[in-house]
C-alpha atoms as a PDB file:
ATOM      1  CA  PHE A   1      17.593 -51.900 -31.649  1.00  0.00           C
ATOM      2  CA  PRO A   2      17.056 -49.445 -33.208  1.00  0.00           C
ATOM      3  CA  ILE A   3      20.943 -48.445 -33.257  1.00  0.00           C
ATOM      4  CA  ARG A   4      21.295 -45.353 -36.178  1.00  0.00           C
ATOM      5  CA  ALA A   5      24.517 -45.863 -38.139  1.00  0.00           C
ATOM      6  CA  VAL A   6      24.385 -43.684 -41.177  1.00  0.00           C
ATOM      7  CA  ASP A   7      22.339 -40.487 -41.522  1.00  0.00           C
ATOM      8  CA  PRO A   8      19.269 -40.711 -43.397  1.00  0.00           C
ATOM      9  CA  ASP A   9      21.166 -39.336 -46.607  1.00  0.00           C
ATOM     10  CA  GLN A  10      23.904 -42.008 -46.378  1.00  0.00           C
ATOM     11  CA  ALA A  11      20.897 -44.584 -46.560  1.00  0.00           C
ATOM     12  CA  GLU A  12      19.742 -43.029 -49.639  1.00  0.00           C
ATOM     13  CA  LEU A  13      22.657 -43.160 -51.121  1.00  0.00           C
ATOM     14  CA  ASN A  14      23.214 -46.971 -50.302  1.00  0.00           C
ATOM     15  CA  LEU A  15      20.072 -47.573 -51.468  1.00  0.00           C
ATOM     16  CA  ALA A  16      20.731 -45.487 -54.390  1.00  0.00           C
ATOM     17  CA  ARG A  17      23.156 -48.058 -55.118  1.00  0.00           C
ATOM     18  CA  TYR A  18      21.569 -51.214 -54.356  1.00  0.00           C
ATOM     19  CA  LEU A  19      19.332 -49.995 -57.169  1.00  0.00           C
ATOM     20  CA  ALA A  20      21.323 -49.377 -59.263  1.00  0.00           C
ATOM     21  CA  LEU A  21      23.559 -52.999 -58.737  1.00  0.00           C
ATOM     22  CA  GLU A  22      19.875 -54.973 -59.687  1.00  0.00           C
ATOM     23  CA  LYS A  23      19.980 -52.551 -62.545  1.00  0.00           C
ATOM     24  CA  GLU A  24      23.179 -53.481 -63.731  1.00  0.00           C
ATOM     25  CA  ILE A  25      22.870 -57.298 -63.154  1.00  0.00           C
ATOM     26  CA  GLY A  26      18.987 -57.511 -64.667  1.00  0.00           C
ATOM     27  CA  GLU A  27      17.327 -59.612 -61.515  1.00  0.00           C
ATOM     28  CA  GLU A  28      17.480 -59.076 -57.464  1.00  0.00           C
ATOM     29  CA  PRO A  29      21.321 -58.665 -56.241  1.00  0.00           C
ATOM     30  CA  GLN A  30      19.705 -61.190 -53.065  1.00  0.00           C
ATOM     31  CA  ASN A  31      19.552 -63.884 -56.455  1.00  0.00           C
ATOM     32  CA  ARG A  32      23.535 -63.628 -57.173  1.00  0.00           C
ATOM     33  CA  PHE A  33      25.309 -61.912 -53.704  1.00  0.00           C
ATOM     34  CA  LYS A  34      23.231 -63.270 -51.006  1.00  0.00           C
ATOM     35  CA  ILE A  35      26.002 -65.032 -50.036  1.00  0.00           C
ATOM     36  CA  LYS A  36      28.707 -62.898 -48.786  1.00  0.00           C
ATOM     37  CA  ALA A  37      27.213 -60.290 -50.728  1.00  0.00           C
ATOM     38  CA  HIS A  38      30.178 -57.593 -49.652  1.00  0.00           C
ATOM     39  CA  LEU A  39      32.814 -58.894 -51.652  1.00  0.00           C
ATOM     40  CA  PRO A  40      32.596 -57.526 -54.991  1.00  0.00           C
ATOM     41  CA  PHE A  41      31.586 -54.035 -54.239  1.00  0.00           C
ATOM     42  CA  PRO A  42      33.551 -51.779 -52.100  1.00  0.00           C
ATOM     43  CA  TRP A  43      30.490 -49.264 -50.809  1.00  0.00           C
ATOM     44  CA  MET A  44      29.915 -52.745 -48.896  1.00  0.00           C
ATOM     45  CA  TRP A  45      32.631 -53.146 -47.508  1.00  0.00           C
ATOM     46  CA  ASP A  46      32.614 -49.386 -45.708  1.00  0.00           C
ATOM     47  CA  ILE A  47      29.065 -50.637 -44.086  1.00  0.00           C
ATOM     48  CA  ILE A  48      30.745 -53.324 -42.851  1.00  0.00           C
ATOM     49  CA  ARG A  49      33.047 -51.400 -41.253  1.00  0.00           C
ATOM     50  CA  ASN A  50      30.637 -48.883 -40.069  1.00  0.00           C
ATOM     51  CA  LYS A  51      31.543 -47.463 -36.482  1.00  0.00           C
ATOM     52  CA  ASN A  52      28.762 -47.225 -34.884  1.00  0.00           C
ATOM     53  CA  ILE A  53      27.852 -50.761 -36.006  1.00  0.00           C
ATOM     54  CA  LEU A  54      31.159 -51.956 -34.625  1.00  0.00           C
ATOM     55  CA  ASP A  55      31.251 -50.127 -31.258  1.00  0.00           C
ATOM     56  CA  SER A  56      27.875 -51.566 -30.922  1.00  0.00           C
ATOM     57  CA  VAL A  57      29.126 -54.948 -31.982  1.00  0.00           C
ATOM     58  CA  GLU A  58      32.712 -54.926 -30.043  1.00  0.00           C
ATOM     59  CA  ASP A  59      30.244 -54.257 -27.075  1.00  0.00           C
ATOM     60  CA  ILE A  60      28.159 -57.675 -27.597  1.00  0.00           C
ATOM     61  CA  ILE A  61      31.364 -59.904 -28.503  1.00  0.00           C
ATOM     62  CA  GLY A  62      34.471 -58.059 -26.965  1.00  0.00           C
ATOM     63  CA  PRO A  63      37.629 -55.750 -29.239  1.00  0.00           C
ATOM     64  CA  ASP A  64      38.503 -58.582 -31.852  1.00  0.00           C
ATOM     65  CA  ILE A  65      35.761 -58.879 -35.025  1.00  0.00           C
ATOM     66  CA  LEU A  66      35.776 -60.841 -37.828  1.00  0.00           C
ATOM     67  CA  CYS A  67      32.656 -60.302 -40.815  1.00  0.00           C
ATOM     68  CA  TRP A  68      31.647 -63.986 -41.532  1.00  0.00           C
ATOM     69  CA  GLY A  69      29.278 -63.518 -43.986  1.00  0.00           C
ATOM     70  CA  SER A  70      26.807 -60.472 -45.337  1.00  0.00           C
ATOM     71  CA  SER A  71      23.273 -61.014 -47.259  1.00  0.00           C
ATOM     72  CA  PHE A  72      20.880 -59.296 -48.960  1.00  0.00           C
ATOM     73  CA  PHE A  73      16.697 -59.461 -48.135  1.00  0.00           C
ATOM     74  CA  THR A  74      14.921 -57.626 -50.010  1.00  0.00           C
ATOM     75  CA  LYS A  75      11.071 -57.874 -50.303  1.00  0.00           C
ATOM     76  CA  ASN A  76       9.059 -56.421 -53.415  1.00  0.00           C
ATOM     77  CA  ALA A  77       5.681 -54.119 -53.342  1.00  0.00           C
ATOM     78  CA  HIS A  78       3.251 -56.879 -52.085  1.00  0.00           C
ATOM     79  CA  ASP A  79       5.732 -59.838 -52.602  1.00  0.00           C
ATOM     80  CA  THR A  80       4.872 -63.068 -51.231  1.00  0.00           C
ATOM     81  CA  ARG A  81       7.752 -64.277 -49.802  1.00  0.00           C
ATOM     82  CA  PHE A  82       8.755 -64.875 -45.812  1.00  0.00           C
ATOM     83  CA  VAL A  83      11.015 -65.633 -43.431  1.00  0.00           C
ATOM     84  CA  SER A  84       9.823 -68.438 -41.395  1.00  0.00           C
ATOM     85  CA  TRP A  85      10.395 -68.446 -37.530  1.00  0.00           C
ATOM     86  CA  HIS A  86      14.349 -70.022 -37.454  1.00  0.00           C
ATOM     87  CA  GLN A  87      17.947 -70.241 -35.739  1.00  0.00           C
ATOM     88  CA  ASP A  88      20.625 -68.584 -37.499  1.00  0.00           C
ATOM     89  CA  ALA A  89      23.008 -71.473 -36.200  1.00  0.00           C
ATOM     90  CA  THR A  90      21.187 -74.328 -37.604  1.00  0.00           C
ATOM     91  CA  TYR A  91      22.971 -75.164 -40.874  1.00  0.00           C
ATOM     92  CA  TRP A  92      26.340 -72.766 -41.324  1.00  0.00           C
ATOM     93  CA  GLY A  93      28.585 -74.747 -39.385  1.00  0.00           C
ATOM     94  CA  LEU A  94      29.901 -73.034 -36.973  1.00  0.00           C
ATOM     95  CA  SER A  95      31.404 -74.567 -33.781  1.00  0.00           C
ATOM     96  CA  LYS A  96      29.849 -71.843 -31.291  1.00  0.00           C
ATOM     97  CA  PRO A  97      27.886 -69.547 -30.859  1.00  0.00           C
ATOM     98  CA  ASP A  98      29.852 -66.305 -30.380  1.00  0.00           C
ATOM     99  CA  VAL A  99      27.364 -64.631 -33.488  1.00  0.00           C
ATOM    100  CA  VAL A 100      26.154 -61.372 -33.758  1.00  0.00           C
ATOM    101  CA  THR A 101      24.031 -60.129 -37.072  1.00  0.00           C
ATOM    102  CA  ALA A 102      23.308 -56.342 -37.557  1.00  0.00           C
ATOM    103  CA  TRP A 103      20.469 -56.397 -39.950  1.00  0.00           C
ATOM    104  CA  ILE A 104      20.756 -52.642 -41.666  1.00  0.00           C
ATOM    105  CA  ALA A 105      17.858 -50.998 -43.313  1.00  0.00           C
ATOM    106  CA  LEU A 106      18.076 -49.732 -46.803  1.00  0.00           C
ATOM    107  CA  SER A 107      14.521 -48.319 -47.205  1.00  0.00           C
ATOM    108  CA  PRO A 108      11.612 -48.421 -44.194  1.00  0.00           C
ATOM    109  CA  ALA A 109      11.250 -51.680 -42.614  1.00  0.00           C
ATOM    110  CA  THR A 110       8.130 -51.538 -40.765  1.00  0.00           C
ATOM    111  CA  VAL A 111       5.547 -53.948 -40.071  1.00  0.00           C
ATOM    112  CA  GLU A 112       3.761 -53.772 -42.727  1.00  0.00           C
ATOM    113  CA  SER A 113       6.261 -54.343 -45.200  1.00  0.00           C
ATOM    114  CA  GLY A 114       7.573 -57.133 -42.986  1.00  0.00           C
ATOM    115  CA  CYS A 115      10.436 -56.224 -40.806  1.00  0.00           C
ATOM    116  CA  MET A 116      11.845 -58.896 -38.644  1.00  0.00           C
ATOM    117  CA  LYS A 117      10.447 -60.247 -35.422  1.00  0.00           C
ATOM    118  CA  VAL A 118      11.908 -62.086 -32.573  1.00  0.00           C
ATOM    119  CA  VAL A 119      10.702 -64.123 -29.438  1.00  0.00           C
ATOM    120  CA  PRO A 120      12.952 -62.027 -26.599  1.00  0.00           C
ATOM    121  CA  GLY A 121      14.725 -64.292 -24.341  1.00  0.00           C
ATOM    122  CA  SER A 122      15.148 -66.954 -26.754  1.00  0.00           C
ATOM    123  CA  HIS A 123      18.785 -66.496 -27.234  1.00  0.00           C
ATOM    124  CA  LYS A 124      19.320 -68.628 -24.212  1.00  0.00           C
ATOM    125  CA  TRP A 125      18.343 -71.720 -25.877  1.00  0.00           C
ATOM    126  CA  SER A 126      19.668 -74.462 -26.943  1.00  0.00           C
ATOM    127  CA  GLN A 127      20.162 -75.471 -30.498  1.00  0.00           C
ATOM    128  CA  VAL A 128      16.156 -76.079 -31.425  1.00  0.00           C
ATOM    129  CA  ALA A 129      15.102 -79.205 -34.124  1.00  0.00           C
ATOM    130  CA  HIS A 130      14.479 -77.272 -37.430  1.00  0.00           C
ATOM    131  CA  ARG A 131      12.264 -78.996 -40.562  1.00  0.00           C
ATOM    132  CA  ASP A 132      12.810 -78.423 -43.841  1.00  0.00           C
ATOM    133  CA  THR A 133       9.947 -77.064 -46.211  1.00  0.00           C
ATOM    134  CA  LEU A 134      11.343 -76.124 -49.644  1.00  0.00           C
ATOM    135  CA  ASN A 135       8.454 -73.549 -49.684  1.00  0.00           C
ATOM    136  CA  GLU A 136       9.563 -71.255 -52.963  1.00  0.00           C
ATOM    137  CA  HIS A 137       7.828 -68.038 -51.102  1.00  0.00           C
ATOM    138  CA  ASN A 138      10.428 -68.903 -48.338  1.00  0.00           C
ATOM    139  CA  LEU A 139      13.161 -66.477 -48.600  1.00  0.00           C
ATOM    140  CA  LEU A 140      15.631 -68.852 -46.344  1.00  0.00           C
ATOM    141  CA  THR A 141      17.882 -71.606 -48.165  1.00  0.00           C
ATOM    142  CA  ARG A 142      16.021 -74.635 -47.141  1.00  0.00           C
ATOM    143  CA  GLY A 143      12.480 -73.095 -46.333  1.00  0.00           C
ATOM    144  CA  GLN A 144      13.557 -74.333 -42.344  1.00  0.00           C
ATOM    145  CA  GLU A 145      11.410 -73.577 -39.830  1.00  0.00           C
ATOM    146  CA  LEU A 146      11.536 -74.209 -36.203  1.00  0.00           C
ATOM    147  CA  ALA A 147      10.006 -77.824 -35.517  1.00  0.00           C
ATOM    148  CA  VAL A 148       7.901 -76.265 -32.004  1.00  0.00           C
ATOM    149  CA  ASP A 149       5.753 -73.906 -31.987  1.00  0.00           C
ATOM    150  CA  VAL A 150       6.457 -70.303 -31.527  1.00  0.00           C
ATOM    151  CA  ASP A 151       3.691 -68.485 -29.296  1.00  0.00           C
ATOM    152  CA  GLU A 152       3.113 -65.371 -31.805  1.00  0.00           C
ATOM    153  CA  ASP A 153       2.036 -63.458 -28.482  1.00  0.00           C
ATOM    154  CA  THR A 154       5.151 -63.142 -26.932  1.00  0.00           C
ATOM    155  CA  ALA A 155       6.938 -62.173 -30.574  1.00  0.00           C
ATOM    156  CA  ILE A 156       8.302 -58.458 -30.761  1.00  0.00           C
ATOM    157  CA  TYR A 157       8.612 -56.178 -34.164  1.00  0.00           C
ATOM    158  CA  MET A 158      11.850 -54.746 -35.071  1.00  0.00           C
ATOM    159  CA  PRO A 159      10.795 -51.535 -37.123  1.00  0.00           C
ATOM    160  CA  LEU A 160      13.580 -49.980 -38.693  1.00  0.00           C
ATOM    161  CA  GLN A 161      14.642 -46.722 -40.658  1.00  0.00           C
ATOM    162  CA  PRO A 162      16.622 -46.841 -43.598  1.00  0.00           C
ATOM    163  CA  GLY A 163      20.358 -46.665 -42.093  1.00  0.00           C
ATOM    164  CA  GLU A 164      18.926 -48.007 -38.902  1.00  0.00           C
ATOM    165  CA  VAL A 165      20.515 -51.368 -37.250  1.00  0.00           C
ATOM    166  CA  SER A 166      19.085 -54.165 -35.197  1.00  0.00           C
ATOM    167  CA  LEU A 167      21.097 -56.567 -33.597  1.00  0.00           C
ATOM    168  CA  HIS A 168      20.609 -60.433 -32.837  1.00  0.00           C
ATOM    169  CA  HIS A 169      22.359 -63.624 -31.857  1.00  0.00           C
ATOM    170  CA  VAL A 170      22.846 -66.494 -33.517  1.00  0.00           C
ATOM    171  CA  LEU A 171      20.367 -68.465 -31.680  1.00  0.00           C
ATOM    172  CA  MET A 172      17.877 -66.153 -31.644  1.00  0.00           C
ATOM    173  CA  ALA A 173      14.445 -66.879 -32.938  1.00  0.00           C
ATOM    174  CA  HIS A 174      12.795 -64.388 -35.418  1.00  0.00           C
ATOM    175  CA  ALA A 175      10.826 -64.133 -38.451  1.00  0.00           C
ATOM    176  CA  SER A 176       9.625 -61.751 -40.883  1.00  0.00           C
ATOM    177  CA  THR A 177       5.940 -61.832 -42.754  1.00  0.00           C
ATOM    178  CA  ALA A 178       5.157 -60.463 -46.390  1.00  0.00           C
ATOM    179  CA  ASN A 179       5.005 -57.186 -47.586  1.00  0.00           C
ATOM    180  CA  THR A 180       1.724 -55.474 -48.142  1.00  0.00           C
ATOM    181  CA  THR A 181       2.765 -52.010 -48.346  1.00  0.00           C
ATOM    182  CA  HIS A 182       3.026 -50.450 -52.137  1.00  0.00           C
ATOM    183  CA  ASP A 183       7.325 -49.870 -51.704  1.00  0.00           C
ATOM    184  CA  ARG A 184      10.655 -52.137 -51.292  1.00  0.00           C
ATOM    185  CA  ARG A 185      11.655 -53.352 -48.399  1.00  0.00           C
ATOM    186  CA  VAL A 186      15.768 -53.866 -48.611  1.00  0.00           C
ATOM    187  CA  GLY A 187      17.601 -54.946 -45.694  1.00  0.00           C
ATOM    188  CA  PHE A 188      21.449 -55.741 -45.370  1.00  0.00           C
ATOM    189  CA  ALA A 189      22.639 -58.443 -43.136  1.00  0.00           C
ATOM    190  CA  ILE A 190      26.107 -58.269 -41.709  1.00  0.00           C
ATOM    191  CA  ARG A 191      27.680 -61.323 -39.510  1.00  0.00           C
ATOM    192  CA  TYR A 192      30.017 -60.532 -37.319  1.00  0.00           C
ATOM    193  CA  VAL A 193      32.051 -63.645 -35.225  1.00  0.00           C
ATOM    194  CA  ARG A 194      34.961 -63.767 -32.318  1.00  0.00           C
ATOM    195  CA  PRO A 195      37.934 -65.280 -34.306  1.00  0.00           C
ATOM    196  CA  ASP A 196      37.741 -68.586 -31.751  1.00  0.00           C
ATOM    197  CA  VAL A 197      34.504 -69.361 -33.507  1.00  0.00           C
ATOM    198  CA  SER A 198      35.467 -71.949 -36.358  1.00  0.00           C
ATOM    199  CA  GLN A 199      33.931 -73.573 -39.602  1.00  0.00           C
ATOM    200  CA  GLU A 200      33.765 -77.672 -38.812  1.00  0.00           C
ATOM    201  CA  LYS A 201      31.852 -78.378 -42.199  1.00  0.00           C
ATOM    202  CA  ALA A 202      33.894 -76.979 -45.173  1.00  0.00           C
ATOM    203  CA  GLU A 203      37.890 -76.277 -45.246  1.00  0.00           C
ATOM    204  CA  LYS A 204      39.356 -72.506 -46.380  1.00  0.00           C
ATOM    205  CA  ASP A 205      36.269 -70.135 -45.058  1.00  0.00           C
ATOM    206  CA  SER A 206      36.710 -67.139 -45.042  1.00  0.00           C
ATOM    207  CA  ALA A 207      36.083 -64.270 -42.888  1.00  0.00           C
ATOM    208  CA  TRP A 208      37.365 -60.063 -42.777  1.00  0.00           C
ATOM    209  CA  LEU A 209      39.012 -58.424 -39.804  1.00  0.00           C
ATOM    210  CA  VAL A 210      37.464 -55.848 -38.970  1.00  0.00           C
ATOM    211  CA  ARG A 211      38.661 -54.692 -36.292  1.00  0.00           C
ATOM    212  CA  GLY A 212      41.327 -56.078 -33.808  1.00  0.00           C
ATOM    213  CA  GLU A 213      43.110 -59.076 -33.920  1.00  0.00           C
ATOM    214  CA  ASP A 214      43.085 -62.420 -35.173  1.00  0.00           C
ATOM    215  CA  ARG A 215      45.243 -64.833 -32.493  1.00  0.00           C
ATOM    216  CA  PHE A 216      43.478 -68.158 -33.987  1.00  0.00           C
ATOM    217  CA  GLY A 217      43.745 -67.951 -38.208  1.00  0.00           C
ATOM    218  CA  ASN A 218      40.631 -69.845 -38.451  1.00  0.00           C
ATOM    219  CA  PHE A 219      39.625 -68.407 -41.117  1.00  0.00           C
ATOM    220  CA  ILE A 220      41.013 -66.915 -44.943  1.00  0.00           C
ATOM    221  CA  HIS A 221      41.459 -63.016 -44.549  1.00  0.00           C
ATOM    222  CA  GLU A 222      39.520 -61.409 -46.925  1.00  0.00           C
ATOM    223  CA  THR A 223      40.981 -58.281 -48.882  1.00  0.00           C
ATOM    224  CA  PRO A 224      38.485 -55.439 -50.258  1.00  0.00           C
ATOM    225  CA  PRO A 225      38.227 -55.273 -54.311  1.00  0.00           C
ATOM    226  CA  GLU A 226      40.267 -53.007 -56.284  1.00  0.00           C
ATOM    227  CA  GLY A 227      36.619 -51.419 -57.688  1.00  0.00           C
ATOM    228  CA  ASP A 228      32.973 -52.963 -58.110  1.00  0.00           C
ATOM    229  CA  MET A 229      33.254 -56.372 -59.683  1.00  0.00           C
ATOM    230  CA  ASP A 230      36.521 -56.603 -59.800  1.00  0.00           C
ATOM    231  CA  GLU A 231      37.933 -59.971 -61.638  1.00  0.00           C
ATOM    232  CA  ALA A 232      39.354 -60.726 -58.683  1.00  0.00           C
ATOM    233  CA  ALA A 233      36.738 -60.659 -56.188  1.00  0.00           C
ATOM    234  CA  LEU A 234      34.549 -62.167 -58.423  1.00  0.00           C
ATOM    235  CA  ALA A 235      36.293 -65.985 -58.650  1.00  0.00           C
ATOM    236  CA  GLU A 236      36.508 -65.487 -54.621  1.00  0.00           C
ATOM    237  CA  HIS A 237      32.837 -64.967 -54.066  1.00  0.00           C
ATOM    238  CA  HIS A 238      32.735 -67.718 -56.809  1.00  0.00           C
ATOM    239  CA  ARG A 239      34.344 -69.807 -54.805  1.00  0.00           C
ATOM    240  CA  ILE A 240      32.731 -69.388 -51.452  1.00  0.00           C
ATOM    241  CA  LEU A 241      29.736 -69.159 -52.904  1.00  0.00           C
ATOM    242  CA  LYS A 242      30.142 -73.247 -53.537  1.00  0.00           C
ATOM    243  CA  LEU A 243      31.670 -73.727 -50.096  1.00  0.00           C
ATOM    244  CA  ARG A 244      28.557 -72.354 -48.402  1.00  0.00           C
ATOM    245  CA  GLN A 245      26.675 -73.893 -50.120  1.00  0.00           C
ATOM    246  CA  GLY A 246      27.895 -77.331 -49.884  1.00  0.00           C
ATOM    247  CA  VAL A 247      27.357 -76.428 -46.163  1.00  0.00           C
ATOM    248  CA  LEU A 248      24.037 -74.939 -46.042  1.00  0.00           C
ATOM    249  CA  TYR A 249      22.759 -77.672 -47.986  1.00  0.00           C
ATOM    250  CA  ASP A 250      23.993 -80.747 -46.100  1.00  0.00           C
ATOM    251  CA  GLY A 251      21.900 -83.275 -46.148  1.00  0.00           C
ATOM    252  CA  VAL A 252      18.495 -81.331 -48.013  1.00  0.00           C
ATOM    253  CA  GLN A 253      16.702 -83.310 -49.745  1.00  0.00           C
ATOM    254  CA  GLY A 254      16.262 -81.347 -53.215  1.00  0.00           C
ATOM    255  CA  LYS A 255      16.102 -77.018 -53.132  1.00  0.00           C
ATOM    256  CA  PRO A 256      13.001 -74.363 -53.430  1.00  0.00           C
ATOM    257  CA  ALA A 257      12.509 -73.351 -56.583  1.00  0.00           C
ATOM    258  CA  HIS A 258      13.662 -70.031 -56.615  1.00  0.00           C
ATOM    259  CA  ILE A 259      17.607 -70.971 -55.894  1.00  0.00           C
ATOM    260  CA  SER A 260      19.779 -72.013 -58.374  1.00  0.00           C
ATOM    261  CA  ASP A 261      23.086 -73.510 -57.991  1.00  0.00           C
ATOM    262  CA  LEU A 262      24.569 -70.509 -57.444  1.00  0.00           C
ATOM    263  CA  GLY A 263      22.008 -68.698 -56.077  1.00  0.00           C
ATOM    264  CA  ALA A 264      20.511 -67.531 -52.891  1.00  0.00           C
ATOM    265  CA  ALA A 265      21.291 -69.020 -49.248  1.00  0.00           C
ATOM    266  CA  GLU A 266      20.624 -67.109 -46.019  1.00  0.00           C
END
């Protein structure tokens, strides 16, 4: 980080589209569209297939790339919500860690507004045990957190300006704090996988082939919607949301108060 994905003007347009969507649906888009947020919206597909992002991802996982997921992460001004220390791989049900997340800032993500922080080198850790907290202020599905102490002195913050991207591995220990500023922090996380990765906890998971070839066929291939909130795209989003939540909530006792049956999940 940082990697420049789009220029400031395009970043401003992407934020305006996000705000317009929020106004249209009357709630934070991350509540309704946190899993596979891109499925019903052509402008999000444009972000996911951005050449600068894909070139960087290709350097890491190779020329054959699937987009497995996308999620909004929003913290409003003076928002107490946070993300605890965790590894993404813990509850995703994927067969191997050949996964990279591109986190693109739609608004400034600063230390004060709660940008992401990571433990350098933790992508080489094995899978670490987690515990569920179900904390209503935690943006994660289960309020999950590492069941080991993290030395905060080793953490590095990853601030981003609008249109910039950071990349992190699926096993990277990362977190973020509350937003203490007067401005919103809006981010869009895109999950890219190699085609030889598969879903081990559910059938008929889906992904979008954004570059190269898929010689494995482990996922149903997604296709762009005809337009915003396209009926077919919304139906597929509903299907995959139920599937993914079945994977993410496997074994958890209850749900955080802020998450509905078809609400947010990380």
